[in-house]
Amino acid sequence: MSDAPTLTRQTIVPFLADIFERRGGEEYLGEPVTMAQHMLQGATLAEEAGRDEVIVVAALLHDIGHFTSEFGMFRMDDTEDRHHEDAGAAVLEGFFPRLVIDCVRHHVAAKRYLCATRPDYFARLSEASVHSLNLQGGPMSADEVAEFEQNPNLKEIIAVRYLDDAGKHADMRTPDFAHFAPMVQRVVDRHCGA
């Protein structure tokens, strides 16, 4: 385990930008896009749809937990679910509002929820997403669905899940992280009271 960096409101966005720059070219779990392409596509689609900045930022950062080693956190091997959603939420807490944290923390659960509640949803999943669904526990049980539906940010979590699913096109052009950085900083500043 490496030493965790000391992050502040002023350094979190440049730190995230650096991760996108250095690590964004890594493979995205068997999909035809890199990690950065995947997250940038979700954010671009949200922005193009006129979504609120917090949704654009949540889509941009939803998979940041795949880079837990950057934050001094242990990374398990790829043969099991690494709970990247919890790791991502943990590293963003303190800098981002609850809505962003919930969208990051629950985007995997949202896939399980949609598979349990919307029969046509499963058929839309990529092969890699079906594989990860199995590692993540499969569709939710009725009790899990009832509990998940209590989240006050359910609608936004589902929206980010759909953006996650849509961000897997090898030929889609997007702006880079620098385009979104001012927006990310505004969300951070509003949350931190700047």
C-alpha atoms as a PDB file:
ATOM      1  CA  MET A   1       0.000   0.000   0.000  1.00  0.00           C
ATOM      2  CA  SER A   2       1.446   3.372  -0.999  1.00  0.00           C
ATOM      3  CA  ASP A   3       1.227   6.569   0.965  1.00  0.00           C
ATOM      4  CA  ALA A   4      -2.022   8.403   0.318  1.00  0.00           C
ATOM      5  CA  PRO A   5      -1.587  11.880  -1.136  1.00  0.00           C
ATOM      6  CA  THR A   6      -2.745  14.873   0.876  1.00  0.00           C
ATOM      7  CA  LEU A   7      -5.528  16.409  -1.169  1.00  0.00           C
ATOM      8  CA  THR A   8      -7.296  19.729  -0.734  1.00  0.00           C
ATOM      9  CA  ARG A   9     -10.080  21.593  -2.469  1.00  0.00           C
ATOM     10  CA  GLN A  10      -7.417  23.303  -4.583  1.00  0.00           C
ATOM     11  CA  THR A  11      -5.524  20.126  -5.521  1.00  0.00           C
ATOM     12  CA  ILE A  12      -8.227  17.480  -6.049  1.00  0.00           C
ATOM     13  CA  VAL A  13      -9.109  18.530  -9.608  1.00  0.00           C
ATOM     14  CA  PRO A  14      -5.480  18.726 -10.860  1.00  0.00           C
ATOM     15  CA  PHE A  15      -4.876  15.376  -9.151  1.00  0.00           C
ATOM     16  CA  LEU A  16      -7.832  13.817 -10.996  1.00  0.00           C
ATOM     17  CA  ALA A  17      -6.652  15.386 -14.258  1.00  0.00           C
ATOM     18  CA  ASP A  18      -3.244  13.798 -13.735  1.00  0.00           C
ATOM     19  CA  ILE A  19      -4.835  10.376 -13.231  1.00  0.00           C
ATOM     20  CA  PHE A  20      -6.785  10.745 -16.475  1.00  0.00           C
ATOM     21  CA  GLU A  21      -3.594  11.790 -18.267  1.00  0.00           C
ATOM     22  CA  ARG A  22      -1.341   9.045 -16.915  1.00  0.00           C
ATOM     23  CA  ARG A  23      -3.730   6.142 -16.429  1.00  0.00           C
ATOM     24  CA  GLY A  24      -6.654   6.872 -18.730  1.00  0.00           C
ATOM     25  CA  GLY A  25      -5.230   4.811 -21.585  1.00  0.00           C
ATOM     26  CA  GLU A  26      -5.641   1.582 -19.631  1.00  0.00           C
ATOM     27  CA  GLU A  27      -8.063  -1.050 -20.903  1.00  0.00           C
ATOM     28  CA  TYR A  28     -11.614  -0.764 -19.668  1.00  0.00           C
ATOM     29  CA  LEU A  29     -12.449  -4.306 -18.564  1.00  0.00           C
ATOM     30  CA  GLY A  30     -12.844  -5.920 -21.966  1.00  0.00           C
ATOM     31  CA  GLU A  31     -14.763  -3.051 -23.570  1.00  0.00           C
ATOM     32  CA  PRO A  32     -13.644  -1.431 -26.862  1.00  0.00           C
ATOM     33  CA  VAL A  33     -12.646   1.791 -25.080  1.00  0.00           C
ATOM     34  CA  THR A  34     -10.020   2.882 -22.577  1.00  0.00           C
ATOM     35  CA  MET A  35     -10.854   3.913 -19.031  1.00  0.00           C
ATOM     36  CA  ALA A  36     -10.620   7.613 -19.924  1.00  0.00           C
ATOM     37  CA  GLN A  37     -12.678   7.219 -23.094  1.00  0.00           C
ATOM     38  CA  HIS A  38     -15.385   5.453 -21.119  1.00  0.00           C
ATOM     39  CA  MET A  39     -15.676   8.106 -18.419  1.00  0.00           C
ATOM     40  CA  LEU A  40     -15.300  11.016 -20.856  1.00  0.00           C
ATOM     41  CA  GLN A  41     -18.031   9.559 -23.073  1.00  0.00           C
ATOM     42  CA  GLY A  42     -20.476   9.386 -20.165  1.00  0.00           C
ATOM     43  CA  ALA A  43     -19.708  12.983 -19.201  1.00  0.00           C
ATOM     44  CA  THR A  44     -19.965  14.175 -22.811  1.00  0.00           C
ATOM     45  CA  LEU A  45     -23.336  12.495 -23.297  1.00  0.00           C
ATOM     46  CA  ALA A  46     -24.587  14.057 -20.059  1.00  0.00           C
ATOM     47  CA  GLU A  47     -23.357  17.490 -21.092  1.00  0.00           C
ATOM     48  CA  GLU A  48     -24.853  17.183 -24.587  1.00  0.00           C
ATOM     49  CA  ALA A  49     -28.195  16.211 -23.019  1.00  0.00           C
ATOM     50  CA  GLY A  50     -28.133  19.366 -20.896  1.00  0.00           C
ATOM     51  CA  ARG A  51     -27.847  17.524 -17.585  1.00  0.00           C
ATOM     52  CA  ASP A  52     -26.947  19.409 -14.401  1.00  0.00           C
ATOM     53  CA  GLU A  53     -23.240  19.811 -13.717  1.00  0.00           C
ATOM     54  CA  VAL A  54     -23.357  17.385 -10.800  1.00  0.00           C
ATOM     55  CA  ILE A  55     -24.613  14.625 -13.123  1.00  0.00           C
ATOM     56  CA  VAL A  56     -21.938  15.424 -15.723  1.00  0.00           C
ATOM     57  CA  VAL A  57     -19.290  15.278 -12.990  1.00  0.00           C
ATOM     58  CA  ALA A  58     -20.721  12.069 -11.513  1.00  0.00           C
ATOM     59  CA  ALA A  59     -20.631  10.454 -14.967  1.00  0.00           C
ATOM     60  CA  LEU A  60     -17.063  11.662 -15.448  1.00  0.00           C
ATOM     61  CA  LEU A  61     -15.852  10.270 -12.117  1.00  0.00           C
ATOM     62  CA  HIS A  62     -18.064   7.205 -11.612  1.00  0.00           C
ATOM     63  CA  ASP A  63     -15.221   4.735 -12.268  1.00  0.00           C
ATOM     64  CA  ILE A  64     -12.381   6.642 -10.566  1.00  0.00           C
ATOM     65  CA  GLY A  65     -12.250   3.845  -7.986  1.00  0.00           C
ATOM     66  CA  HIS A  66     -10.496   1.657 -10.561  1.00  0.00           C
ATOM     67  CA  PHE A  67      -7.439   3.785  -9.776  1.00  0.00           C
ATOM     68  CA  THR A  68      -7.425   3.169  -6.034  1.00  0.00           C
ATOM     69  CA  SER A  69      -3.649   2.745  -6.038  1.00  0.00           C
ATOM     70  CA  GLU A  70      -3.392   6.442  -6.928  1.00  0.00           C
ATOM     71  CA  PHE A  71      -5.044   7.280  -3.622  1.00  0.00           C
ATOM     72  CA  GLY A  72      -2.897   4.930  -1.542  1.00  0.00           C
ATOM     73  CA  MET A  73      -5.542   2.213  -1.475  1.00  0.00           C
ATOM     74  CA  PHE A  74      -5.021  -1.530  -1.969  1.00  0.00           C
ATOM     75  CA  ARG A  75      -5.970  -2.953  -5.360  1.00  0.00           C
ATOM     76  CA  MET A  76      -7.151  -6.555  -5.591  1.00  0.00           C
ATOM     77  CA  ASP A  77      -6.589  -8.655  -8.692  1.00  0.00           C
ATOM     78  CA  ASP A  78      -9.039  -8.769 -11.584  1.00  0.00           C
ATOM     79  CA  THR A  79     -10.467 -12.211 -10.752  1.00  0.00           C
ATOM     80  CA  GLU A  80     -12.940 -10.776  -8.273  1.00  0.00           C
ATOM     81  CA  ASP A  81     -15.008  -7.658  -7.915  1.00  0.00           C
ATOM     82  CA  ARG A  82     -12.793  -4.997  -6.384  1.00  0.00           C
ATOM     83  CA  HIS A  83     -15.666  -2.827  -5.157  1.00  0.00           C
ATOM     84  CA  HIS A  84     -14.339   0.082  -7.160  1.00  0.00           C
ATOM     85  CA  GLU A  85     -17.608   1.900  -6.534  1.00  0.00           C
ATOM     86  CA  ASP A  86     -16.993   2.046  -2.782  1.00  0.00           C
ATOM     87  CA  ALA A  87     -13.343   2.960  -3.284  1.00  0.00           C
ATOM     88  CA  GLY A  88     -14.295   5.754  -5.677  1.00  0.00           C
ATOM     89  CA  ALA A  89     -16.879   7.161  -3.301  1.00  0.00           C
ATOM     90  CA  ALA A  90     -14.381   7.024  -0.434  1.00  0.00           C
ATOM     91  CA  VAL A  91     -11.730   9.037  -2.284  1.00  0.00           C
ATOM     92  CA  LEU A  92     -14.212  11.675  -3.470  1.00  0.00           C
ATOM     93  CA  GLU A  93     -15.971  12.189  -0.128  1.00  0.00           C
ATOM     94  CA  GLY A  94     -15.165  15.509   1.434  1.00  0.00           C
ATOM     95  CA  PHE A  95     -14.771  17.201  -1.941  1.00  0.00           C
ATOM     96  CA  PHE A  96     -18.041  16.433  -3.738  1.00  0.00           C
ATOM     97  CA  PRO A  97     -21.720  16.668  -2.776  1.00  0.00           C
ATOM     98  CA  ARG A  98     -23.727  13.667  -1.633  1.00  0.00           C
ATOM     99  CA  LEU A  99     -25.394  13.370  -5.045  1.00  0.00           C
ATOM    100  CA  VAL A 100     -22.055  12.773  -6.796  1.00  0.00           C
ATOM    101  CA  ILE A 101     -20.920  10.380  -4.058  1.00  0.00           C
ATOM    102  CA  ASP A 102     -24.187   8.409  -4.259  1.00  0.00           C
ATOM    103  CA  CYS A 103     -23.939   8.134  -8.053  1.00  0.00           C
ATOM    104  CA  VAL A 104     -20.371   6.842  -7.772  1.00  0.00           C
ATOM    105  CA  ARG A 105     -21.065   4.532  -4.827  1.00  0.00           C
ATOM    106  CA  HIS A 106     -24.241   3.038  -6.292  1.00  0.00           C
ATOM    107  CA  HIS A 107     -23.614   2.810 -10.046  1.00  0.00           C
ATOM    108  CA  VAL A 108     -22.873  -0.922  -9.739  1.00  0.00           C
ATOM    109  CA  ALA A 109     -25.935  -1.499  -7.561  1.00  0.00           C
ATOM    110  CA  ALA A 110     -27.962   0.413 -10.143  1.00  0.00           C
ATOM    111  CA  LYS A 111     -27.032  -2.177 -12.769  1.00  0.00           C
ATOM    112  CA  ARG A 112     -28.161  -4.944 -10.434  1.00  0.00           C
ATOM    113  CA  TYR A 113     -31.347  -2.968  -9.696  1.00  0.00           C
ATOM    114  CA  LEU A 114     -32.188  -2.384 -13.361  1.00  0.00           C
ATOM    115  CA  CYS A 115     -31.592  -6.059 -14.192  1.00  0.00           C
ATOM    116  CA  ALA A 116     -34.099  -6.961 -11.476  1.00  0.00           C
ATOM    117  CA  THR A 117     -36.745  -4.351 -12.303  1.00  0.00           C
ATOM    118  CA  ARG A 118     -36.571  -3.753 -16.063  1.00  0.00           C
ATOM    119  CA  PRO A 119     -36.588  -6.995 -18.063  1.00  0.00           C
ATOM    120  CA  ASP A 120     -35.312  -5.326 -21.260  1.00  0.00           C
ATOM    121  CA  TYR A 121     -32.287  -3.815 -19.516  1.00  0.00           C
ATOM    122  CA  PHE A 122     -30.243  -7.024 -19.224  1.00  0.00           C
ATOM    123  CA  ALA A 123     -30.434  -7.591 -22.983  1.00  0.00           C
ATOM    124  CA  ARG A 124     -28.724  -4.226 -23.559  1.00  0.00           C
ATOM    125  CA  LEU A 125     -25.639  -5.078 -21.477  1.00  0.00           C
ATOM    126  CA  SER A 126     -22.324  -5.764 -23.175  1.00  0.00           C
ATOM    127  CA  GLU A 127     -20.682  -9.148 -22.684  1.00  0.00           C
ATOM    128  CA  ALA A 128     -18.116  -7.583 -20.332  1.00  0.00           C
ATOM    129  CA  SER A 129     -20.886  -5.931 -18.323  1.00  0.00           C
ATOM    130  CA  VAL A 130     -22.737  -9.242 -17.967  1.00  0.00           C
ATOM    131  CA  HIS A 131     -19.505 -10.817 -16.711  1.00  0.00           C
ATOM    132  CA  SER A 132     -19.014  -8.087 -14.112  1.00  0.00           C
ATOM    133  CA  LEU A 133     -22.698  -8.348 -13.123  1.00  0.00           C
ATOM    134  CA  ASN A 134     -22.100 -11.976 -12.167  1.00  0.00           C
ATOM    135  CA  LEU A 135     -19.074 -10.968 -10.065  1.00  0.00           C
ATOM    136  CA  GLN A 136     -21.151  -8.233  -8.414  1.00  0.00           C
ATOM    137  CA  GLY A 137     -23.945 -10.498  -7.228  1.00  0.00           C
ATOM    138  CA  GLY A 138     -26.337 -10.664 -10.184  1.00  0.00           C
ATOM    139  CA  PRO A 139     -29.766  -9.009 -10.242  1.00  0.00           C
ATOM    140  CA  MET A 140     -31.040  -7.703  -6.919  1.00  0.00           C
ATOM    141  CA  SER A 141     -33.440  -9.682  -4.779  1.00  0.00           C
ATOM    142  CA  ALA A 142     -36.852  -8.202  -3.979  1.00  0.00           C
ATOM    143  CA  ASP A 143     -35.573  -7.092  -0.567  1.00  0.00           C
ATOM    144  CA  GLU A 144     -32.524  -5.431  -2.113  1.00  0.00           C
ATOM    145  CA  VAL A 145     -34.740  -3.649  -4.643  1.00  0.00           C
ATOM    146  CA  ALA A 146     -37.002  -2.317  -1.874  1.00  0.00           C
ATOM    147  CA  GLU A 147     -34.007  -1.050   0.090  1.00  0.00           C
ATOM    148  CA  PHE A 148     -32.322   0.503  -2.964  1.00  0.00           C
ATOM    149  CA  GLU A 149     -35.495   2.385  -3.863  1.00  0.00           C
ATOM    150  CA  GLN A 150     -35.274   4.257  -0.547  1.00  0.00           C
ATOM    151  CA  ASN A 151     -32.262   6.261  -1.748  1.00  0.00           C
ATOM    152  CA  PRO A 152     -33.383   9.880  -2.258  1.00  0.00           C
ATOM    153  CA  ASN A 153     -31.015  10.154  -5.253  1.00  0.00           C
ATOM    154  CA  LEU A 154     -32.365   7.059  -7.023  1.00  0.00           C
ATOM    155  CA  LYS A 155     -33.359   8.926 -10.198  1.00  0.00           C
ATOM    156  CA  GLU A 156     -29.901  10.485 -10.586  1.00  0.00           C
ATOM    157  CA  ILE A 157     -28.106   7.232  -9.768  1.00  0.00           C
ATOM    158  CA  ILE A 158     -30.085   5.503 -12.524  1.00  0.00           C
ATOM    159  CA  ALA A 159     -29.295   8.354 -14.929  1.00  0.00           C
ATOM    160  CA  VAL A 160     -25.561   7.930 -14.302  1.00  0.00           C
ATOM    161  CA  ARG A 161     -25.924   4.157 -14.752  1.00  0.00           C
ATOM    162  CA  TYR A 162     -27.411   4.699 -18.202  1.00  0.00           C
ATOM    163  CA  LEU A 163     -24.577   7.103 -19.034  1.00  0.00           C
ATOM    164  CA  ASP A 164     -22.126   4.447 -17.841  1.00  0.00           C
ATOM    165  CA  ASP A 165     -23.717   1.911 -20.197  1.00  0.00           C
ATOM    166  CA  ALA A 166     -23.689   4.369 -23.107  1.00  0.00           C
ATOM    167  CA  GLY A 167     -19.997   5.235 -22.762  1.00  0.00           C
ATOM    168  CA  LYS A 168     -18.543   2.274 -24.609  1.00  0.00           C
ATOM    169  CA  HIS A 169     -18.199   3.352 -28.247  1.00  0.00           C
ATOM    170  CA  ALA A 170     -14.788   2.896 -29.836  1.00  0.00           C
ATOM    171  CA  ASP A 171     -15.393   5.641 -32.397  1.00  0.00           C
ATOM    172  CA  MET A 172     -16.958   8.373 -30.232  1.00  0.00           C
ATOM    173  CA  ARG A 173     -15.002  11.631 -30.011  1.00  0.00           C
ATOM    174  CA  THR A 174     -15.024  13.540 -26.740  1.00  0.00           C
ATOM    175  CA  PRO A 175     -13.288  16.509 -25.197  1.00  0.00           C
ATOM    176  CA  ASP A 176     -10.482  15.659 -22.779  1.00  0.00           C
ATOM    177  CA  PHE A 177     -10.522  16.082 -19.007  1.00  0.00           C
ATOM    178  CA  ALA A 178      -9.365  19.710 -19.308  1.00  0.00           C
ATOM    179  CA  HIS A 179     -12.727  20.580 -20.884  1.00  0.00           C
ATOM    180  CA  PHE A 180     -14.555  19.325 -17.797  1.00  0.00           C
ATOM    181  CA  ALA A 181     -12.028  20.512 -15.185  1.00  0.00           C
ATOM    182  CA  PRO A 182     -13.645  23.956 -14.608  1.00  0.00           C
ATOM    183  CA  MET A 183     -17.004  22.254 -14.084  1.00  0.00           C
ATOM    184  CA  VAL A 184     -15.498  19.743 -11.676  1.00  0.00           C
ATOM    185  CA  GLN A 185     -13.873  22.602  -9.760  1.00  0.00           C
ATOM    186  CA  ARG A 186     -17.179  24.503  -9.565  1.00  0.00           C
ATOM    187  CA  VAL A 187     -18.901  21.441  -8.107  1.00  0.00           C
ATOM    188  CA  VAL A 188     -16.075  21.046  -5.584  1.00  0.00           C
ATOM    189  CA  ASP A 189     -16.118  24.744  -4.690  1.00  0.00           C
ATOM    190  CA  ARG A 190     -19.884  24.832  -4.198  1.00  0.00           C
ATOM    191  CA  HIS A 191     -19.693  21.790  -1.940  1.00  0.00           C
ATOM    192  CA  CYS A 192     -16.741  23.095   0.036  1.00  0.00           C
ATOM    193  CA  GLY A 193     -18.294  26.537   0.455  1.00  0.00           C
ATOM    194  CA  ALA A 194     -15.810  28.480  -1.649  1.00  0.00           C
END
